[in-house]
């Protein structure tokens, strides 16, 4: 089972209060502070990159210090944070000078 599915299932079980209707809450979306605490405590991940999408959502990349694990999440304007992808072996790529138009 892919890590994102396992992570979503575990977080759903831990973060959705008992008695809450699971039908009304997507399995892979959570309150942002809860997700941040979970990623830090269980995977030692913290935000390493952020950006705003054209739709006004906050896209974040979380990674462990060594890059062993990583998570990509998007936070909606309403404040729900949804898992988009997870994986292993994150590697930062050095930025190069911006490329201008062809000469």
C-alpha atoms as a PDB file:
ATOM      1  CA  UNK A   1       0.000   0.000   0.000  1.00  0.00           C
ATOM      2  CA  UNK A   2       1.478   3.416  -0.930  1.00  0.00           C
ATOM      3  CA  UNK A   3       2.692   5.540   1.995  1.00  0.00           C
ATOM      4  CA  UNK A   4       0.146   8.300   1.258  1.00  0.00           C
ATOM      5  CA  UNK A   5      -2.727   5.817   1.708  1.00  0.00           C
ATOM      6  CA  UNK A   6      -1.264   4.455   4.943  1.00  0.00           C
ATOM      7  CA  UNK A   7      -0.580   7.968   6.242  1.00  0.00           C
ATOM      8  CA  UNK A   8      -4.113   9.093   5.378  1.00  0.00           C
ATOM      9  CA  UNK A   9      -5.663   6.056   7.065  1.00  0.00           C
ATOM     10  CA  UNK A  10      -3.611   6.480  10.241  1.00  0.00           C
ATOM     11  CA  UNK A  11      -4.241  10.208  10.427  1.00  0.00           C
ATOM     12  CA  UNK A  12      -7.960   9.696   9.841  1.00  0.00           C
ATOM     13  CA  UNK A  13      -8.150   7.253  12.714  1.00  0.00           C
ATOM     14  CA  UNK A  14      -6.176   9.534  15.036  1.00  0.00           C
ATOM     15  CA  UNK A  15      -7.460  12.968  14.113  1.00  0.00           C
ATOM     16  CA  UNK A  16     -11.172  12.606  13.348  1.00  0.00           C
ATOM     17  CA  UNK A  17     -12.996  12.753  16.680  1.00  0.00           C
ATOM     18  CA  UNK A  18     -15.018   9.735  17.745  1.00  0.00           C
ATOM     19  CA  UNK A  19     -18.568  10.088  16.512  1.00  0.00           C
ATOM     20  CA  UNK A  20     -17.650  12.459  13.679  1.00  0.00           C
ATOM     21  CA  UNK A  21     -19.122  11.544  10.349  1.00  0.00           C
ATOM     22  CA  UNK A  22     -16.367  10.188   8.117  1.00  0.00           C
ATOM     23  CA  UNK A  23     -18.664  10.571   5.118  1.00  0.00           C
ATOM     24  CA  UNK A  24     -18.433  14.358   5.494  1.00  0.00           C
ATOM     25  CA  UNK A  25     -14.612  14.471   5.685  1.00  0.00           C
ATOM     26  CA  UNK A  26     -12.220  13.340   2.959  1.00  0.00           C
ATOM     27  CA  UNK A  27      -9.846  10.629   4.198  1.00  0.00           C
ATOM     28  CA  UNK A  28      -6.754  12.565   3.179  1.00  0.00           C
ATOM     29  CA  UNK A  29      -7.595  16.059   4.514  1.00  0.00           C
ATOM     30  CA  UNK A  30      -6.925  17.288   8.024  1.00  0.00           C
ATOM     31  CA  UNK A  31      -6.570  20.402  10.145  1.00  0.00           C
ATOM     32  CA  UNK A  32      -3.154  21.851   9.278  1.00  0.00           C
ATOM     33  CA  UNK A  33      -1.775  22.027  12.856  1.00  0.00           C
ATOM     34  CA  UNK A  34      -2.699  18.365  13.415  1.00  0.00           C
ATOM     35  CA  UNK A  35      -0.939  17.260  10.224  1.00  0.00           C
ATOM     36  CA  UNK A  36       2.174  19.325  11.018  1.00  0.00           C
ATOM     37  CA  UNK A  37       2.400  17.799  14.516  1.00  0.00           C
ATOM     38  CA  UNK A  38       1.905  14.284  13.121  1.00  0.00           C
ATOM     39  CA  UNK A  39       4.579  14.663  10.413  1.00  0.00           C
ATOM     40  CA  UNK A  40       7.060  16.109  12.928  1.00  0.00           C
ATOM     41  CA  UNK A  41       6.442  13.469  15.583  1.00  0.00           C
ATOM     42  CA  UNK A  42       6.312  10.403  13.337  1.00  0.00           C
ATOM     43  CA  UNK A  43       8.595  11.235  10.407  1.00  0.00           C
ATOM     44  CA  UNK A  44      10.688  14.160  11.710  1.00  0.00           C
ATOM     45  CA  UNK A  45       9.404  16.188   8.738  1.00  0.00           C
ATOM     46  CA  UNK A  46       9.120  19.970   8.665  1.00  0.00           C
ATOM     47  CA  UNK A  47       8.305  22.456   5.882  1.00  0.00           C
ATOM     48  CA  UNK A  48      11.165  23.026   3.430  1.00  0.00           C
ATOM     49  CA  UNK A  49       9.318  24.826   0.598  1.00  0.00           C
ATOM     50  CA  UNK A  50       6.047  26.721   0.209  1.00  0.00           C
ATOM     51  CA  UNK A  51       4.192  28.426  -2.600  1.00  0.00           C
ATOM     52  CA  UNK A  52       0.763  29.779  -3.486  1.00  0.00           C
ATOM     53  CA  UNK A  53      -1.145  28.073  -6.277  1.00  0.00           C
ATOM     54  CA  UNK A  54      -3.095  30.016  -8.894  1.00  0.00           C
ATOM     55  CA  UNK A  55      -6.249  28.868  -7.072  1.00  0.00           C
ATOM     56  CA  UNK A  56      -5.104  30.559  -3.844  1.00  0.00           C
ATOM     57  CA  UNK A  57      -4.040  27.401  -2.019  1.00  0.00           C
ATOM     58  CA  UNK A  58      -0.854  26.982  -0.011  1.00  0.00           C
ATOM     59  CA  UNK A  59       1.340  24.183  -1.368  1.00  0.00           C
ATOM     60  CA  UNK A  60       3.943  22.863   1.087  1.00  0.00           C
ATOM     61  CA  UNK A  61       6.740  20.349   0.859  1.00  0.00           C
ATOM     62  CA  UNK A  62       7.731  18.708   4.143  1.00  0.00           C
ATOM     63  CA  UNK A  63      10.905  16.664   4.461  1.00  0.00           C
ATOM     64  CA  UNK A  64      12.955  14.984   7.143  1.00  0.00           C
ATOM     65  CA  UNK A  65      16.366  16.553   7.709  1.00  0.00           C
ATOM     66  CA  UNK A  66      18.093  13.787   5.746  1.00  0.00           C
ATOM     67  CA  UNK A  67      15.431  13.666   3.019  1.00  0.00           C
ATOM     68  CA  UNK A  68      14.633  10.079   3.959  1.00  0.00           C
ATOM     69  CA  UNK A  69      10.892  10.859   3.799  1.00  0.00           C
ATOM     70  CA  UNK A  70       8.869  13.717   2.320  1.00  0.00           C
ATOM     71  CA  UNK A  71       5.241  14.831   2.027  1.00  0.00           C
ATOM     72  CA  UNK A  72       3.502  17.308  -0.295  1.00  0.00           C
ATOM     73  CA  UNK A  73       0.318  18.896   1.042  1.00  0.00           C
ATOM     74  CA  UNK A  74      -2.070  21.640  -0.086  1.00  0.00           C
ATOM     75  CA  UNK A  75      -4.002  23.870   2.324  1.00  0.00           C
ATOM     76  CA  UNK A  76      -7.290  25.303   1.085  1.00  0.00           C
ATOM     77  CA  UNK A  77      -8.430  28.866   1.870  1.00  0.00           C
ATOM     78  CA  UNK A  78     -10.924  27.225   4.287  1.00  0.00           C
ATOM     79  CA  UNK A  79      -7.980  25.844   6.283  1.00  0.00           C
ATOM     80  CA  UNK A  80      -8.112  22.139   5.455  1.00  0.00           C
ATOM     81  CA  UNK A  81      -4.783  20.564   4.519  1.00  0.00           C
ATOM     82  CA  UNK A  82      -4.867  17.664   2.056  1.00  0.00           C
ATOM     83  CA  UNK A  83      -2.129  15.144   1.316  1.00  0.00           C
ATOM     84  CA  UNK A  84      -1.049  15.152  -2.321  1.00  0.00           C
ATOM     85  CA  UNK A  85       1.997  12.851  -2.346  1.00  0.00           C
ATOM     86  CA  UNK A  86       4.557  11.180  -0.112  1.00  0.00           C
ATOM     87  CA  UNK A  87       7.827   9.464  -0.804  1.00  0.00           C
ATOM     88  CA  UNK A  88      11.431   8.795   0.060  1.00  0.00           C
ATOM     89  CA  UNK A  89      14.831  10.210  -0.869  1.00  0.00           C
ATOM     90  CA  UNK A  90      14.023  13.924  -1.259  1.00  0.00           C
ATOM     91  CA  UNK A  91      16.921  15.773  -2.868  1.00  0.00           C
ATOM     92  CA  UNK A  92      17.177  19.521  -3.116  1.00  0.00           C
ATOM     93  CA  UNK A  93      18.304  20.789  -6.499  1.00  0.00           C
ATOM     94  CA  UNK A  94      20.470  23.927  -6.463  1.00  0.00           C
ATOM     95  CA  UNK A  95      18.880  26.903  -8.174  1.00  0.00           C
ATOM     96  CA  UNK A  96      20.581  28.123 -11.312  1.00  0.00           C
ATOM     97  CA  UNK A  97      20.394  31.530 -12.930  1.00  0.00           C
ATOM     98  CA  UNK A  98      17.072  32.195 -14.611  1.00  0.00           C
ATOM     99  CA  UNK A  99      17.086  31.498 -18.310  1.00  0.00           C
ATOM    100  CA  UNK A 100      16.115  34.431 -20.466  1.00  0.00           C
ATOM    101  CA  UNK A 101      14.427  34.396 -23.880  1.00  0.00           C
ATOM    102  CA  UNK A 102      16.329  32.815 -26.785  1.00  0.00           C
ATOM    103  CA  UNK A 103      18.851  35.122 -28.409  1.00  0.00           C
END
